[in-house]
Amino acid sequence: RTVLGAGPGVPPAVPMGLLDAIGEAARRMLQGLTARDHGMRRLWEVIELVLAILRGVVRFGLAVHPQGFDAIDDYDWREWLAINGASEASLRSAFMRGIYNLCMAYEGGDEARPALSAACALRGSVRMFFGYRGTLFWRMTSGMGDVVFAPIYEVLRRRGVRFEFFHRLEHVELAAPQPGAGTRVAALHFDVQAELAGEAYEAYEPLVDVRGLPCWPSQPCWSQLRDGPALREAGWDAECWWDRTPARRRVLRADHDFDVAVLAVGLGAVAPACRELVAREPRWHDMVTRLQAVATQAFQVWMRADMRQLGWAEGPINLAGFKPPFETWSDMRHLLPEESWPEPPRSLAYFCSVLPTPAVLPDRDAADYPERRRREVHDNAAGFLDRDIGHLWPQAVAPEGGFRWEELVDPGGSVPPRGAEPREAAPGPERLATQFLTANVQPTGYYTLSLPGTSRYRISPLDSTIENLRVAGDWTESGLNTACIEGAVMSGRLAAHAIAGSPRLESIVGYDHP
């Protein structure tokens, strides 16, 4: 603390001079190697970035600053590192690109506009590299819906929590202003999107059994819904914001149906649902206009050959900083034993990245918008596999060039799933349509950005400006202020503390941050 904080009796020039001397010694030691050894060059880039961080901590007095790391929130991460001595080569390195990719840190989903708060990046880096438990990354043995949310759902239901699915929040109605009284929510207006199929079902059962594991399916359990087969035939999407055909509408009244509500929708859905709040409360207006969220895209491919046969000689990997439009790749082969396939694949790869995002959501009558964006993702994925994947998997490329499409496992071809009609496997690039592709363009599914200068506009779950409403989500002032599961959990625990006084603030790991 004395050195990094330039404490009493230690002029800032002393630690700065020490750091400069260390950097110069390391540069002289490695300069002969970095020109001819890519591994040593990458090592030097990381060393240089770490030294720039240490210089910045000293120069800005972050170890003792009353604002902590938030004192540098107005700077972009690369900008702040450059101020503190990072070279252009290090700032353009794959390591730095990977940080921006992992945070989806591109305004409007435009890869030409990288932007990431230096405060959030520094805090996240410190938490990740010095506060991890066991390993930097943990690999789940199934989807998050299955290994995280399904167990939580089962525990809560056993505790008596009532779940009501297929309710989409449309409007948060405020009580009329009263002299001397605070702002209050009067009612919550929902579209009920579907209803249960008669008296045979007391409550919707969302989970399905997959080899003994309760799993959260990607589609509703149609047999439990009224007119379920017809809804399925029509291609109804319960998560589609542009679907405007509710089964009915429902209103919950304050002090009758609820005492306190927790608003936990995604950031993109806040402005449409909270129109009155945004118009009446300046802080809410600032939040929805200053914070940004972007759409994302992803695809997953199951392949006949294993990774070594495809030309990847290393072990399983999480990789970021590759080429657009899909810079991030996760080798997910460990999930294959948990899946049920008539013709088992031997490799599984997930890819994701940002997706260009309009400044204003398309009108609610643009029913074809999600499918148009999904076709865009399909074309992006097809071009990426044909053009770029050979840099990672050289044996996945045909001798004449282009991706070997026959490597993709078609779940409906040759050996179809039980109960399905046999058909010919999809030919050539058409086989990509049998894989998983998604355009995450629903407003509640947008990815919240940590842009420079925006942390001050986040609303805390502890905020009681709206007397009977609390907020939760990775878009709130959670103490981490980064879009990730950790930030969302911290926010949820803060909301619980605000309502019930539990858990204690000191038990929320990372909330008391620098």
Foldseek 3Di string as FASTA:
>chain_A
DCLLLVDPPRPLVVSLVVLVVVLVVVCVVQVVPLVPDVVSVLVNLVVLLVSLVSQLSSVVSLVPDPVRLLVQLQDFQLRSSVVSPRDPPSCLDLVVQQLQFVQLQAVLSDPVRGFAGNSLSVLVVCCQPPVDDPHSDDFDLDDCQFPPVVVVVVVVVVVPDDDAPQWDWQAFAWDDDDVPDFTATFKTKTFRAWDFQPPVDPHADQWDAQPNTTGGDPDGPQNGTHCSVVCVVVVPDSLDLLDDDGPDMDMDGDPPRDPFAAAEFALLCCCRHYVVCLVPPVLNVCLNVVWDFFKKKKWKFFFADAQVLLPAPDDWDWFASCDPPWRTKGWNQSNQVRHDAPRGGRTMMMTMHTDRHDPDDPDSNPVCVQVVVQVVSLVRVQCCQQPPCCVRRVNQADPVGGGPLNGTDQCQEPDHDPPDDHDHQDDDSVNSVSTDIGTRHRSSRTAIGSGRPNLVSAAAQLDCSHPRYGYAALSHNQLSNGHDPLSRVSRVQRNCCNVPVPDPPVVSPNNPDD
